[in-house]
Amino acid sequence: MFRKGLVLLSVKINFFGVRGSCPRPYKEFMEYGGATSCIEIVNDKGERLIIDGGMGVHKLGDELVKKDEIDNINFLFTHYHLDHTSGMPFFNPFYNEKANINVYASLDALEISLTEVFKRIFSSPLFPVEFDKLPSRVKLNNFKGYDEFQINSYKIKPYPLKHPGGSCGYRISCEGKIIAIVFDTYHDVEKMDENALKLMENADIVIYDANYCDE
């Protein structure tokens, strides 16, 4: 499984899934891995943010349980398409009663609540375990508007992006460094998206969706 890290002073970024719309578990895709979107950000205090829950979140969850680091897990979702959510039923900490998990997403940018999404994913006939039956402590947090908010030491500024069904980018500040998360968005032919530009401006690291070529 693909796992590669970037170190930004006291912040480390681990890539557990970077594949496009469809998982590709074949040998010709092993350079960048076959798992769909999932990124982990960890600071020197051990505080972590997980961006999206594609199939890459499966391996991350197994690692967190093995290391017994499941007491303060925080998810940020960019949007709810399957390549960003399909790994959630296989995230091991959900089935551990010691796990404390917070999930955040924009209600305005995505126009559907986390509760509705998770109850769809964790329901028959899609999955045999219902969301309300999970033994872990899970809190679903839908934020409104685009004001900066804080999760542990991370300051997070959301930006709405252009994508079918909506998408939300994040400008994340920690330890004096800025990480820009810009997933699943597009620009108009003759004009760059101002929100995407503001989101990326002077960032130390930009993690940008590159699913398509220019053509």
C-alpha atoms as a PDB file:
ATOM      1  CA  MET A   1       0.000   0.000   0.000  1.00  0.00           C
ATOM      2  CA  PHE A   2       1.163   3.489  -0.811  1.00  0.00           C
ATOM      3  CA  ARG A   3       2.276   5.669   2.085  1.00  0.00           C
ATOM      4  CA  LYS A   4       4.638   8.566   1.625  1.00  0.00           C
ATOM      5  CA  GLY A   5       5.255  11.483   3.944  1.00  0.00           C
ATOM      6  CA  LEU A   6       6.252  15.119   3.630  1.00  0.00           C
ATOM      7  CA  VAL A   7       7.810  16.856   6.630  1.00  0.00           C
ATOM      8  CA  LEU A   8       7.158  20.574   7.096  1.00  0.00           C
ATOM      9  CA  LEU A   9       9.141  21.468  10.225  1.00  0.00           C
ATOM     10  CA  SER A  10       7.003  19.992  13.040  1.00  0.00           C
ATOM     11  CA  VAL A  11       4.109  19.000  10.750  1.00  0.00           C
ATOM     12  CA  LYS A  12       4.115  15.738   8.807  1.00  0.00           C
ATOM     13  CA  ILE A  13       1.784  14.927   5.914  1.00  0.00           C
ATOM     14  CA  ASN A  14       1.160  11.275   5.057  1.00  0.00           C
ATOM     15  CA  PHE A  15      -0.514  10.261   1.796  1.00  0.00           C
ATOM     16  CA  PHE A  16      -2.589   7.105   2.200  1.00  0.00           C
ATOM     17  CA  GLY A  17      -4.608   7.509  -0.985  1.00  0.00           C
ATOM     18  CA  VAL A  18      -3.960   9.619  -4.069  1.00  0.00           C
ATOM     19  CA  ARG A  19      -5.689   7.687  -6.855  1.00  0.00           C
ATOM     20  CA  GLY A  20      -8.429   9.299  -8.969  1.00  0.00           C
ATOM     21  CA  SER A  21     -12.083   8.381  -9.194  1.00  0.00           C
ATOM     22  CA  CYS A  22     -11.710   4.604  -9.058  1.00  0.00           C
ATOM     23  CA  PRO A  23      -9.475   2.390  -6.845  1.00  0.00           C
ATOM     24  CA  ARG A  24      -6.780   0.656  -8.896  1.00  0.00           C
ATOM     25  CA  PRO A  25      -5.354  -2.324  -6.963  1.00  0.00           C
ATOM     26  CA  TYR A  26      -3.126  -3.496  -9.801  1.00  0.00           C
ATOM     27  CA  LYS A  27       0.635  -3.764 -10.050  1.00  0.00           C
ATOM     28  CA  GLU A  28       0.913  -1.133 -12.796  1.00  0.00           C
ATOM     29  CA  PHE A  29      -0.473   1.468 -10.361  1.00  0.00           C
ATOM     30  CA  MET A  30       1.804   0.764  -7.404  1.00  0.00           C
ATOM     31  CA  GLU A  31       4.112   3.772  -7.853  1.00  0.00           C
ATOM     32  CA  TYR A  32       1.430   6.053  -6.424  1.00  0.00           C
ATOM     33  CA  GLY A  33      -0.820   3.351  -5.035  1.00  0.00           C
ATOM     34  CA  GLY A  34      -4.289   2.218  -5.958  1.00  0.00           C
ATOM     35  CA  ALA A  35      -6.245   3.707  -3.033  1.00  0.00           C
ATOM     36  CA  THR A  36      -8.480   6.754  -3.394  1.00  0.00           C
ATOM     37  CA  SER A  37      -8.221  10.035  -1.478  1.00  0.00           C
ATOM     38  CA  CYS A  38      -7.013  10.085   2.110  1.00  0.00           C
ATOM     39  CA  ILE A  39      -4.382  12.360   3.657  1.00  0.00           C
ATOM     40  CA  GLU A  40      -3.185  12.523   7.255  1.00  0.00           C
ATOM     41  CA  ILE A  41      -1.655  15.663   8.818  1.00  0.00           C
ATOM     42  CA  VAL A  42       0.120  15.217  12.172  1.00  0.00           C
ATOM     43  CA  ASN A  43       1.911  17.838  14.245  1.00  0.00           C
ATOM     44  CA  ASP A  44       4.602  17.327  16.894  1.00  0.00           C
ATOM     45  CA  LYS A  45       1.909  17.152  19.607  1.00  0.00           C
ATOM     46  CA  GLY A  46       0.407  14.097  17.951  1.00  0.00           C
ATOM     47  CA  GLU A  47      -2.696  16.042  16.901  1.00  0.00           C
ATOM     48  CA  ARG A  48      -3.977  14.740  13.586  1.00  0.00           C
ATOM     49  CA  LEU A  49      -6.323  15.823  10.843  1.00  0.00           C
ATOM     50  CA  ILE A  50      -7.518  13.290   8.280  1.00  0.00           C
ATOM     51  CA  ILE A  51      -8.630  14.744   4.963  1.00  0.00           C
ATOM     52  CA  ASP A  52     -11.321  12.584   3.317  1.00  0.00           C
ATOM     53  CA  GLY A  53     -12.088   8.907   3.660  1.00  0.00           C
ATOM     54  CA  GLY A  54     -11.426   7.160   0.361  1.00  0.00           C
ATOM     55  CA  MET A  55     -10.048   3.626   0.334  1.00  0.00           C
ATOM     56  CA  GLY A  56      -6.703   4.833   1.709  1.00  0.00           C
ATOM     57  CA  VAL A  57      -8.334   5.383   5.110  1.00  0.00           C
ATOM     58  CA  HIS A  58      -8.484   1.608   5.630  1.00  0.00           C
ATOM     59  CA  LYS A  59      -4.712   1.271   6.098  1.00  0.00           C
ATOM     60  CA  LEU A  60      -4.558   4.465   8.168  1.00  0.00           C
ATOM     61  CA  GLY A  61      -7.236   3.147  10.524  1.00  0.00           C
ATOM     62  CA  ASP A  62      -5.357  -0.111  11.023  1.00  0.00           C
ATOM     63  CA  GLU A  63      -2.193   1.835  11.897  1.00  0.00           C
ATOM     64  CA  LEU A  64      -4.008   4.046  14.411  1.00  0.00           C
ATOM     65  CA  VAL A  65      -5.511   1.052  16.198  1.00  0.00           C
ATOM     66  CA  LYS A  66      -2.164  -0.737  16.257  1.00  0.00           C
ATOM     67  CA  LYS A  67      -0.483   2.332  17.799  1.00  0.00           C
ATOM     68  CA  ASP A  68      -3.465   2.917  20.135  1.00  0.00           C
ATOM     69  CA  GLU A  69      -3.834   6.487  18.842  1.00  0.00           C
ATOM     70  CA  ILE A  70      -7.611   6.568  18.577  1.00  0.00           C
ATOM     71  CA  ASP A  71      -8.643   8.929  21.364  1.00  0.00           C
ATOM     72  CA  ASN A  72      -8.596  12.151  19.319  1.00  0.00           C
ATOM     73  CA  ILE A  73      -9.279  11.533  15.620  1.00  0.00           C
ATOM     74  CA  ASN A  74     -10.504  14.444  13.487  1.00  0.00           C
ATOM     75  CA  PHE A  75     -11.785  14.204   9.906  1.00  0.00           C
ATOM     76  CA  LEU A  76     -12.239  17.046   7.431  1.00  0.00           C
ATOM     77  CA  PHE A  77     -14.302  16.212   4.355  1.00  0.00           C
ATOM     78  CA  THR A  78     -13.949  18.100   1.079  1.00  0.00           C
ATOM     79  CA  HIS A  79     -17.070  16.459  -0.418  1.00  0.00           C
ATOM     80  CA  TYR A  80     -18.983  13.188  -0.455  1.00  0.00           C
ATOM     81  CA  HIS A  81     -18.330  11.512  -3.801  1.00  0.00           C
ATOM     82  CA  LEU A  82     -17.524   7.816  -3.469  1.00  0.00           C
ATOM     83  CA  ASP A  83     -13.807   8.201  -4.124  1.00  0.00           C
ATOM     84  CA  HIS A  84     -13.649  10.356  -0.982  1.00  0.00           C
ATOM     85  CA  THR A  85     -16.007   8.373   1.278  1.00  0.00           C
ATOM     86  CA  SER A  86     -15.987   4.706   0.233  1.00  0.00           C
ATOM     87  CA  GLY A  87     -13.332   3.726   2.792  1.00  0.00           C
ATOM     88  CA  MET A  88     -15.255   4.926   5.825  1.00  0.00           C
ATOM     89  CA  PRO A  89     -17.049   1.621   6.594  1.00  0.00           C
ATOM     90  CA  PHE A  90     -13.618  -0.025   6.719  1.00  0.00           C
ATOM     91  CA  PHE A  91     -12.022   2.506   9.106  1.00  0.00           C
ATOM     92  CA  ASN A  92     -11.091   0.239  12.010  1.00  0.00           C
ATOM     93  CA  PRO A  93     -11.450   2.825  14.860  1.00  0.00           C
ATOM     94  CA  PHE A  94     -15.190   3.068  14.170  1.00  0.00           C
ATOM     95  CA  TYR A  95     -15.518  -0.408  15.699  1.00  0.00           C
ATOM     96  CA  ASN A  96     -13.449   0.288  18.813  1.00  0.00           C
ATOM     97  CA  GLU A  97     -15.298   1.530  21.893  1.00  0.00           C
ATOM     98  CA  LYS A  98     -12.230   3.506  23.009  1.00  0.00           C
ATOM     99  CA  ALA A  99     -12.184   5.612  19.843  1.00  0.00           C
ATOM    100  CA  ASN A 100     -13.228   9.270  19.922  1.00  0.00           C
ATOM    101  CA  ILE A 101     -13.874  10.562  16.400  1.00  0.00           C
ATOM    102  CA  ASN A 102     -14.966  14.012  15.219  1.00  0.00           C
ATOM    103  CA  VAL A 103     -16.010  14.590  11.612  1.00  0.00           C
ATOM    104  CA  TYR A 104     -16.301  18.068  10.045  1.00  0.00           C
ATOM    105  CA  ALA A 105     -17.767  19.244   6.743  1.00  0.00           C
ATOM    106  CA  SER A 106     -19.330  22.356   5.247  1.00  0.00           C
ATOM    107  CA  LEU A 107     -23.118  22.408   5.126  1.00  0.00           C
ATOM    108  CA  ASP A 108     -23.179  25.438   2.821  1.00  0.00           C
ATOM    109  CA  ALA A 109     -20.658  24.195   0.242  1.00  0.00           C
ATOM    110  CA  LEU A 110     -22.078  20.653   0.084  1.00  0.00           C
ATOM    111  CA  GLU A 111     -25.787  21.275   0.793  1.00  0.00           C
ATOM    112  CA  ILE A 112     -26.287  17.946   2.529  1.00  0.00           C
ATOM    113  CA  SER A 113     -25.628  17.026   6.143  1.00  0.00           C
ATOM    114  CA  LEU A 114     -22.982  14.660   7.434  1.00  0.00           C
ATOM    115  CA  THR A 115     -25.693  12.787   9.320  1.00  0.00           C
ATOM    116  CA  GLU A 116     -27.559  12.017   6.110  1.00  0.00           C
ATOM    117  CA  VAL A 117     -24.376  10.940   4.322  1.00  0.00           C
ATOM    118  CA  PHE A 118     -23.122   8.650   7.089  1.00  0.00           C
ATOM    119  CA  LYS A 119     -26.519   7.090   7.676  1.00  0.00           C
ATOM    120  CA  ARG A 120     -26.698   6.309   3.959  1.00  0.00           C
ATOM    121  CA  ILE A 121     -23.230   4.749   3.887  1.00  0.00           C
ATOM    122  CA  PHE A 122     -23.772   2.718   7.062  1.00  0.00           C
ATOM    123  CA  SER A 123     -27.128   1.198   6.110  1.00  0.00           C
ATOM    124  CA  SER A 124     -28.630  -1.810   4.384  1.00  0.00           C
ATOM    125  CA  PRO A 125     -28.259  -2.814   1.593  1.00  0.00           C
ATOM    126  CA  LEU A 126     -25.034  -0.829   1.207  1.00  0.00           C
ATOM    127  CA  PHE A 127     -23.397  -2.021   4.434  1.00  0.00           C
ATOM    128  CA  PRO A 128     -24.461  -4.446   7.197  1.00  0.00           C
ATOM    129  CA  VAL A 129     -23.615  -2.199  10.176  1.00  0.00           C
ATOM    130  CA  GLU A 130     -25.881   0.770  10.841  1.00  0.00           C
ATOM    131  CA  PHE A 131     -24.284   4.062  11.856  1.00  0.00           C
ATOM    132  CA  ASP A 132     -26.167   4.217  15.170  1.00  0.00           C
ATOM    133  CA  LYS A 133     -24.786   0.801  16.125  1.00  0.00           C
ATOM    134  CA  LEU A 134     -21.095   1.805  15.917  1.00  0.00           C
ATOM    135  CA  PRO A 135     -19.407   1.256  19.324  1.00  0.00           C
ATOM    136  CA  SER A 136     -17.049   4.245  18.961  1.00  0.00           C
ATOM    137  CA  ARG A 137     -17.912   7.789  20.032  1.00  0.00           C
ATOM    138  CA  VAL A 138     -18.564   9.667  16.783  1.00  0.00           C
ATOM    139  CA  LYS A 139     -19.627  13.306  16.534  1.00  0.00           C
ATOM    140  CA  LEU A 140     -20.689  14.758  13.188  1.00  0.00           C
ATOM    141  CA  ASN A 141     -20.055  18.503  12.916  1.00  0.00           C
ATOM    142  CA  ASN A 142     -21.565  20.502  10.053  1.00  0.00           C
ATOM    143  CA  PHE A 143     -20.219  24.051  10.024  1.00  0.00           C
ATOM    144  CA  LYS A 144     -22.007  26.911   8.296  1.00  0.00           C
ATOM    145  CA  GLY A 145     -20.382  29.836   6.569  1.00  0.00           C
ATOM    146  CA  TYR A 146     -16.712  30.134   5.754  1.00  0.00           C
ATOM    147  CA  ASP A 147     -15.222  31.694   8.868  1.00  0.00           C
ATOM    148  CA  GLU A 148     -11.976  30.321  10.273  1.00  0.00           C
ATOM    149  CA  PHE A 149     -12.387  27.739  13.022  1.00  0.00           C
ATOM    150  CA  GLN A 150     -10.005  25.688  15.149  1.00  0.00           C
ATOM    151  CA  ILE A 151      -9.428  21.979  15.744  1.00  0.00           C
ATOM    152  CA  ASN A 152      -6.792  21.479  18.440  1.00  0.00           C
ATOM    153  CA  SER A 153      -3.757  23.510  17.254  1.00  0.00           C
ATOM    154  CA  TYR A 154      -4.966  23.745  13.655  1.00  0.00           C
ATOM    155  CA  LYS A 155      -6.595  26.900  12.331  1.00  0.00           C
ATOM    156  CA  ILE A 156      -8.817  26.042   9.388  1.00  0.00           C
ATOM    157  CA  LYS A 157     -10.249  28.431   6.801  1.00  0.00           C
ATOM    158  CA  PRO A 158     -12.760  26.784   4.430  1.00  0.00           C
ATOM    159  CA  TYR A 159     -13.359  27.937   0.853  1.00  0.00           C
ATOM    160  CA  PRO A 160     -16.180  26.786  -1.456  1.00  0.00           C
ATOM    161  CA  LEU A 161     -14.893  25.334  -4.726  1.00  0.00           C
ATOM    162  CA  LYS A 162     -16.462  24.530  -8.095  1.00  0.00           C
ATOM    163  CA  HIS A 163     -17.424  20.874  -8.466  1.00  0.00           C
ATOM    164  CA  PRO A 164     -20.630  18.945  -9.259  1.00  0.00           C
ATOM    165  CA  GLY A 165     -22.411  18.509  -5.938  1.00  0.00           C
ATOM    166  CA  GLY A 166     -20.106  21.052  -4.305  1.00  0.00           C
ATOM    167  CA  SER A 167     -16.632  20.886  -2.825  1.00  0.00           C
ATOM    168  CA  CYS A 168     -14.792  22.629  -0.002  1.00  0.00           C
ATOM    169  CA  GLY A 169     -11.096  23.463   0.102  1.00  0.00           C
ATOM    170  CA  TYR A 170      -9.172  24.124   3.299  1.00  0.00           C
ATOM    171  CA  ARG A 171      -6.375  26.500   4.209  1.00  0.00           C
ATOM    172  CA  ILE A 172      -4.827  24.927   7.296  1.00  0.00           C
ATOM    173  CA  SER A 173      -2.424  26.834   9.554  1.00  0.00           C
ATOM    174  CA  CYS A 174      -0.250  25.086  12.127  1.00  0.00           C
ATOM    175  CA  GLU A 175       3.106  25.895  13.729  1.00  0.00           C
ATOM    176  CA  GLY A 176       3.411  28.988  11.509  1.00  0.00           C
ATOM    177  CA  LYS A 177       3.047  26.989   8.294  1.00  0.00           C
ATOM    178  CA  ILE A 178       0.169  26.890   5.817  1.00  0.00           C
ATOM    179  CA  ILE A 179      -1.126  23.797   4.014  1.00  0.00           C
ATOM    180  CA  ALA A 180      -3.635  24.294   1.196  1.00  0.00           C
ATOM    181  CA  ILE A 181      -6.022  21.443   0.376  1.00  0.00           C
ATOM    182  CA  VAL A 182      -7.547  21.928  -3.085  1.00  0.00           C
ATOM    183  CA  PHE A 183      -9.446  18.796  -4.147  1.00  0.00           C
ATOM    184  CA  ASP A 184     -11.927  18.212  -6.960  1.00  0.00           C
ATOM    185  CA  THR A 185     -12.357  21.658  -8.437  1.00  0.00           C
ATOM    186  CA  TYR A 186     -12.149  23.371 -11.786  1.00  0.00           C
ATOM    187  CA  HIS A 187     -11.563  26.821 -13.255  1.00  0.00           C
ATOM    188  CA  ASP A 188     -13.640  28.532 -15.917  1.00  0.00           C
ATOM    189  CA  VAL A 189     -12.051  28.630 -19.360  1.00  0.00           C
ATOM    190  CA  GLU A 190     -11.244  32.342 -19.307  1.00  0.00           C
ATOM    191  CA  LYS A 191     -11.039  33.013 -15.565  1.00  0.00           C
ATOM    192  CA  MET A 192      -9.272  31.387 -12.635  1.00  0.00           C
ATOM    193  CA  ASP A 193     -11.398  30.620  -9.568  1.00  0.00           C
ATOM    194  CA  GLU A 194     -10.759  33.409  -7.048  1.00  0.00           C
ATOM    195  CA  ASN A 195     -11.482  31.126  -4.080  1.00  0.00           C
ATOM    196  CA  ALA A 196      -8.892  28.604  -5.231  1.00  0.00           C
ATOM    197  CA  LEU A 197      -6.322  31.360  -5.699  1.00  0.00           C
ATOM    198  CA  LYS A 198      -6.962  32.830  -2.234  1.00  0.00           C
ATOM    199  CA  LEU A 199      -6.800  29.375  -0.718  1.00  0.00           C
ATOM    200  CA  MET A 200      -3.369  28.696  -2.227  1.00  0.00           C
ATOM    201  CA  GLU A 201      -1.821  32.162  -1.878  1.00  0.00           C
ATOM    202  CA  ASN A 202       1.598  32.032  -0.132  1.00  0.00           C
ATOM    203  CA  ALA A 203       0.948  28.528   1.183  1.00  0.00           C
ATOM    204  CA  ASP A 204       3.983  26.460   2.178  1.00  0.00           C
ATOM    205  CA  ILE A 205       2.483  23.313   0.651  1.00  0.00           C
ATOM    206  CA  VAL A 206      -0.366  23.001  -1.851  1.00  0.00           C
ATOM    207  CA  ILE A 207      -2.027  19.588  -2.250  1.00  0.00           C
ATOM    208  CA  TYR A 208      -3.913  19.892  -5.505  1.00  0.00           C
ATOM    209  CA  ASP A 209      -6.138  17.510  -7.444  1.00  0.00           C
ATOM    210  CA  ALA A 210      -4.442  16.470 -10.698  1.00  0.00           C
ATOM    211  CA  ASN A 211      -6.961  13.933 -11.953  1.00  0.00           C
ATOM    212  CA  TYR A 212      -7.104  15.285 -15.499  1.00  0.00           C
ATOM    213  CA  CYS A 213      -4.619  16.591 -18.023  1.00  0.00           C
ATOM    214  CA  ASP A 214      -5.079  20.036 -19.574  1.00  0.00           C
ATOM    215  CA  GLU A 215      -6.945  18.647 -22.569  1.00  0.00           C
END
